[in-house]
Amino acid sequence: MSVLMVRAKIKEEKVADAEAATAKVIQALEQERPADVRYSVLTEGTTFVALLVLNPDGSHPLAAMPEYKELVENLQQWYAEPPTVERATILGSYQLF
């Protein structure tokens, strides 16, 4: 299983906006309940880390979701510095993925 990990530093004055936009994505996921989506966002101050299990073909399962598209568009102005994007393979997990 391949995981996309994005670590981003958000401008301090935009943290509340980023939190609200993230909550909107999570709320939409909770309403739609797609069985194949595994997504989590962690935050510590101005640093956000998003973890997303990619589809088996490597595609992004949230790419077509309107709430996610809106979040990504806004993030471009909210970044304090360029994000780091990495792919990783899950070696093991207990009730996280």
N, C-alpha and C. Protein backbone atom coordinates (compact mmCIF):
# COMPACT_ATOMS: atom_id res chain seq x y z
N MET A 1 0.83 -1.17 0.00
CA MET A 1 0.00 0.00 0.00
C MET A 1 0.88 1.24 0.00
N SER A 2 0.59 2.14 -0.88
CA SER A 2 1.38 3.36 -1.00
C SER A 2 0.66 4.53 -0.33
N VAL A 3 1.43 5.31 0.44
CA VAL A 3 0.88 6.44 1.16
C VAL A 3 1.55 7.72 0.68
N LEU A 4 0.75 8.74 0.49
CA LEU A 4 1.25 10.06 0.17
C LEU A 4 1.31 10.85 1.47
N MET A 5 2.48 11.43 1.75
CA MET A 5 2.63 12.23 2.96
C MET A 5 3.02 13.64 2.53
N VAL A 6 2.21 14.61 2.96
CA VAL A 6 2.48 16.01 2.65
C VAL A 6 2.68 16.75 3.97
N ARG A 7 3.82 17.39 4.08
CA ARG A 7 4.12 18.20 5.27
C ARG A 7 4.18 19.65 4.81
N ALA A 8 3.38 20.50 5.47
CA ALA A 8 3.31 21.90 5.05
C ALA A 8 3.32 22.82 6.25
N LYS A 9 4.04 23.90 6.09
CA LYS A 9 4.03 24.97 7.10
C LYS A 9 3.08 26.04 6.57
N ILE A 10 2.09 26.36 7.40
CA ILE A 10 1.05 27.31 7.02
C ILE A 10 1.34 28.67 7.67
N LYS A 11 1.02 29.74 6.95
CA LYS A 11 1.17 31.07 7.54
C LYS A 11 0.31 31.15 8.80
N GLU A 12 0.86 31.71 9.84
CA GLU A 12 0.19 31.74 11.14
C GLU A 12 -1.22 32.32 11.05
N GLU A 13 -1.38 33.37 10.26
CA GLU A 13 -2.69 34.01 10.14
C GLU A 13 -3.68 33.18 9.30
N LYS A 14 -3.22 32.11 8.68
CA LYS A 14 -4.09 31.26 7.86
C LYS A 14 -4.36 29.89 8.48
N VAL A 15 -3.82 29.64 9.67
CA VAL A 15 -4.00 28.34 10.32
C VAL A 15 -5.48 28.03 10.55
N ALA A 16 -6.24 28.98 11.04
CA ALA A 16 -7.67 28.75 11.28
C ALA A 16 -8.40 28.43 9.97
N ASP A 17 -8.02 29.10 8.88
CA ASP A 17 -8.63 28.81 7.58
C ASP A 17 -8.29 27.40 7.13
N ALA A 18 -7.04 26.99 7.31
CA ALA A 18 -6.60 25.64 6.92
C ALA A 18 -7.32 24.59 7.76
N GLU A 19 -7.47 24.86 9.05
CA GLU A 19 -8.19 23.93 9.92
C GLU A 19 -9.65 23.80 9.49
N ALA A 20 -10.28 24.91 9.18
CA ALA A 20 -11.69 24.89 8.75
C ALA A 20 -11.86 24.16 7.42
N ALA A 21 -10.96 24.40 6.49
CA ALA A 21 -11.03 23.73 5.19
C ALA A 21 -10.79 22.22 5.32
N THR A 22 -9.88 21.85 6.21
CA THR A 22 -9.63 20.43 6.47
C THR A 22 -10.86 19.79 7.08
N ALA A 23 -11.48 20.47 8.04
CA ALA A 23 -12.69 19.95 8.67
C ALA A 23 -13.81 19.76 7.64
N LYS A 24 -13.87 20.65 6.67
CA LYS A 24 -14.88 20.56 5.61
C LYS A 24 -14.67 19.30 4.77
N VAL A 25 -13.41 18.98 4.47
CA VAL A 25 -13.09 17.77 3.71
C VAL A 25 -13.47 16.54 4.54
N ILE A 26 -13.08 16.52 5.80
CA ILE A 26 -13.38 15.38 6.66
C ILE A 26 -14.89 15.20 6.80
N GLN A 27 -15.62 16.30 6.97
CA GLN A 27 -17.08 16.23 7.08
C GLN A 27 -17.70 15.63 5.82
N ALA A 28 -17.22 16.05 4.66
CA ALA A 28 -17.72 15.51 3.39
C ALA A 28 -17.43 14.01 3.29
N LEU A 29 -16.24 13.61 3.72
CA LEU A 29 -15.90 12.18 3.72
C LEU A 29 -16.80 11.40 4.67
N GLU A 30 -17.05 11.97 5.84
CA GLU A 30 -17.93 11.28 6.80
C GLU A 30 -19.35 11.14 6.26
N GLN A 31 -19.80 12.10 5.48
CA GLN A 31 -21.14 12.02 4.89
C GLN A 31 -21.19 11.01 3.74
N GLU A 32 -20.15 11.03 2.89
CA GLU A 32 -20.13 10.15 1.72
C GLU A 32 -19.70 8.73 2.08
N ARG A 33 -18.84 8.60 3.09
CA ARG A 33 -18.33 7.32 3.56
C ARG A 33 -17.73 6.43 2.46
N PRO A 34 -16.81 6.96 1.65
CA PRO A 34 -16.19 6.11 0.63
C PRO A 34 -15.34 5.02 1.30
N ALA A 35 -15.58 3.79 0.94
CA ALA A 35 -14.92 2.65 1.60
C ALA A 35 -13.42 2.60 1.33
N ASP A 36 -12.99 3.13 0.22
CA ASP A 36 -11.59 2.97 -0.18
C ASP A 36 -10.68 4.13 0.22
N VAL A 37 -11.19 5.12 0.96
CA VAL A 37 -10.38 6.29 1.31
C VAL A 37 -9.86 6.18 2.73
N ARG A 38 -8.54 6.37 2.87
CA ARG A 38 -7.87 6.43 4.17
C ARG A 38 -7.09 7.73 4.19
N TYR A 39 -7.52 8.68 5.04
CA TYR A 39 -6.97 10.03 5.02
C TYR A 39 -6.92 10.56 6.44
N SER A 40 -5.83 11.21 6.77
CA SER A 40 -5.68 11.79 8.09
C SER A 40 -4.84 13.06 7.99
N VAL A 41 -5.18 14.05 8.79
CA VAL A 41 -4.40 15.28 8.85
C VAL A 41 -4.04 15.53 10.31
N LEU A 42 -2.76 15.75 10.54
CA LEU A 42 -2.23 16.03 11.88
C LEU A 42 -1.70 17.45 11.87
N THR A 43 -1.76 18.11 13.02
CA THR A 43 -1.23 19.46 13.08
C THR A 43 -0.56 19.73 14.42
N GLU A 44 0.45 20.54 14.35
CA GLU A 44 1.15 21.03 15.55
C GLU A 44 1.50 22.48 15.25
N GLY A 45 0.71 23.39 15.78
CA GLY A 45 0.96 24.80 15.50
C GLY A 45 0.70 25.12 14.06
N THR A 46 1.73 25.55 13.36
CA THR A 46 1.57 25.93 11.96
C THR A 46 1.97 24.81 10.99
N THR A 47 2.39 23.67 11.52
CA THR A 47 2.79 22.55 10.67
C THR A 47 1.65 21.55 10.55
N PHE A 48 1.31 21.25 9.31
CA PHE A 48 0.26 20.27 9.01
C PHE A 48 0.90 19.09 8.29
N VAL A 49 0.49 17.89 8.64
CA VAL A 49 0.94 16.68 7.96
C VAL A 49 -0.30 15.92 7.53
N ALA A 50 -0.42 15.68 6.23
CA ALA A 50 -1.54 14.91 5.69
C ALA A 50 -1.02 13.56 5.22
N LEU A 51 -1.76 12.51 5.57
CA LEU A 51 -1.44 11.15 5.15
C LEU A 51 -2.62 10.62 4.36
N LEU A 52 -2.35 10.08 3.18
CA LEU A 52 -3.41 9.58 2.31
C LEU A 52 -2.95 8.29 1.66
N VAL A 53 -3.74 7.23 1.83
CA VAL A 53 -3.45 5.98 1.13
C VAL A 53 -3.92 6.15 -0.31
N LEU A 54 -3.01 5.93 -1.25
CA LEU A 54 -3.33 6.06 -2.66
C LEU A 54 -4.10 4.84 -3.16
N ASN A 55 -4.81 5.00 -4.26
CA ASN A 55 -5.50 3.87 -4.88
C ASN A 55 -4.47 2.84 -5.33
N PRO A 56 -4.88 1.59 -5.52
CA PRO A 56 -3.93 0.56 -5.97
C PRO A 56 -3.17 0.92 -7.25
N ASP A 57 -3.80 1.71 -8.11
CA ASP A 57 -3.12 2.11 -9.35
C ASP A 57 -2.24 3.35 -9.16
N GLY A 58 -2.14 3.84 -7.90
CA GLY A 58 -1.31 5.00 -7.60
C GLY A 58 -2.01 6.33 -7.75
N SER A 59 -3.28 6.31 -8.13
CA SER A 59 -4.01 7.57 -8.30
C SER A 59 -4.47 8.10 -6.95
N HIS A 60 -4.86 9.37 -6.96
CA HIS A 60 -5.26 10.10 -5.76
C HIS A 60 -6.77 9.96 -5.55
N PRO A 61 -7.22 9.32 -4.46
CA PRO A 61 -8.66 9.08 -4.28
C PRO A 61 -9.49 10.32 -3.96
N LEU A 62 -8.86 11.44 -3.62
CA LEU A 62 -9.63 12.65 -3.30
C LEU A 62 -9.61 13.68 -4.43
N ALA A 63 -8.90 13.40 -5.49
CA ALA A 63 -8.66 14.38 -6.55
C ALA A 63 -9.93 14.99 -7.13
N ALA A 64 -11.00 14.23 -7.23
CA ALA A 64 -12.24 14.74 -7.85
C ALA A 64 -13.20 15.35 -6.84
N MET A 65 -12.90 15.27 -5.58
CA MET A 65 -13.80 15.75 -4.53
C MET A 65 -13.78 17.28 -4.47
N PRO A 66 -14.94 17.95 -4.63
CA PRO A 66 -14.97 19.42 -4.65
C PRO A 66 -14.36 20.07 -3.40
N GLU A 67 -14.64 19.53 -2.23
CA GLU A 67 -14.11 20.11 -1.00
C GLU A 67 -12.58 19.99 -0.94
N TYR A 68 -12.06 18.89 -1.45
CA TYR A 68 -10.61 18.71 -1.47
C TYR A 68 -9.97 19.64 -2.50
N LYS A 69 -10.59 19.78 -3.65
CA LYS A 69 -10.08 20.69 -4.68
C LYS A 69 -10.00 22.11 -4.13
N GLU A 70 -11.04 22.52 -3.41
CA GLU A 70 -11.07 23.87 -2.83
C GLU A 70 -9.94 24.03 -1.81
N LEU A 71 -9.73 23.02 -0.98
CA LEU A 71 -8.64 23.06 -0.01
C LEU A 71 -7.29 23.24 -0.71
N VAL A 72 -7.04 22.44 -1.72
CA VAL A 72 -5.75 22.49 -2.43
C VAL A 72 -5.55 23.85 -3.09
N GLU A 73 -6.59 24.40 -3.70
CA GLU A 73 -6.47 25.71 -4.33
C GLU A 73 -6.11 26.79 -3.31
N ASN A 74 -6.75 26.75 -2.15
CA ASN A 74 -6.48 27.74 -1.11
C ASN A 74 -5.10 27.57 -0.49
N LEU A 75 -4.66 26.33 -0.36
CA LEU A 75 -3.35 26.08 0.26
C LEU A 75 -2.23 26.84 -0.45
N GLN A 76 -2.36 27.03 -1.74
CA GLN A 76 -1.32 27.72 -2.49
C GLN A 76 -1.01 29.10 -1.90
N GLN A 77 -2.04 29.77 -1.38
CA GLN A 77 -1.84 31.08 -0.77
C GLN A 77 -1.55 30.99 0.73
N TRP A 78 -1.83 29.86 1.33
CA TRP A 78 -1.67 29.70 2.77
C TRP A 78 -0.30 29.19 3.19
N TYR A 79 0.46 28.63 2.24
CA TYR A 79 1.78 28.08 2.58
C TYR A 79 2.74 29.17 3.04
N ALA A 80 3.45 28.92 4.13
CA ALA A 80 4.52 29.81 4.59
C ALA A 80 5.81 29.47 3.86
N GLU A 81 5.90 28.23 3.37
CA GLU A 81 7.06 27.75 2.60
C GLU A 81 6.57 26.57 1.76
N PRO A 82 7.32 26.19 0.74
CA PRO A 82 6.87 25.07 -0.10
C PRO A 82 6.70 23.79 0.72
N PRO A 83 5.65 23.03 0.44
CA PRO A 83 5.43 21.78 1.17
C PRO A 83 6.40 20.69 0.70
N THR A 84 6.57 19.68 1.52
CA THR A 84 7.32 18.49 1.09
C THR A 84 6.30 17.40 0.84
N VAL A 85 6.48 16.70 -0.25
CA VAL A 85 5.58 15.63 -0.65
C VAL A 85 6.41 14.37 -0.83
N GLU A 86 6.02 13.31 -0.14
CA GLU A 86 6.75 12.05 -0.22
C GLU A 86 5.77 10.90 -0.36
N ARG A 87 6.24 9.84 -1.00
CA ARG A 87 5.49 8.59 -1.06
C ARG A 87 6.20 7.59 -0.17
N ALA A 88 5.40 6.81 0.54
CA ALA A 88 5.96 5.79 1.41
C ALA A 88 5.13 4.53 1.28
N THR A 89 5.70 3.42 1.72
CA THR A 89 5.00 2.14 1.74
C THR A 89 4.73 1.77 3.19
N ILE A 90 3.51 1.35 3.48
CA ILE A 90 3.16 0.96 4.84
C ILE A 90 3.80 -0.39 5.14
N LEU A 91 4.63 -0.42 6.18
CA LEU A 91 5.24 -1.67 6.63
C LEU A 91 4.35 -2.37 7.64
N GLY A 92 3.66 -1.60 8.43
CA GLY A 92 2.76 -2.15 9.42
C GLY A 92 1.90 -1.04 9.98
N SER A 93 0.75 -1.40 10.50
CA SER A 93 -0.16 -0.41 11.05
C SER A 93 -1.14 -1.13 11.96
N TYR A 94 -1.50 -0.50 13.03
CA TYR A 94 -2.53 -1.03 13.90
C TYR A 94 -3.66 0.00 14.01
N GLN A 95 -4.77 -0.29 13.38
CA GLN A 95 -5.98 0.52 13.39
C GLN A 95 -5.77 1.97 12.94
N LEU A 96 -4.73 2.23 12.19
CA LEU A 96 -4.55 3.56 11.62
C LEU A 96 -4.91 3.53 10.15
N PHE A 97 -4.41 2.53 9.44
CA PHE A 97 -4.74 2.36 8.02
C PHE A 97 -5.26 0.96 7.78
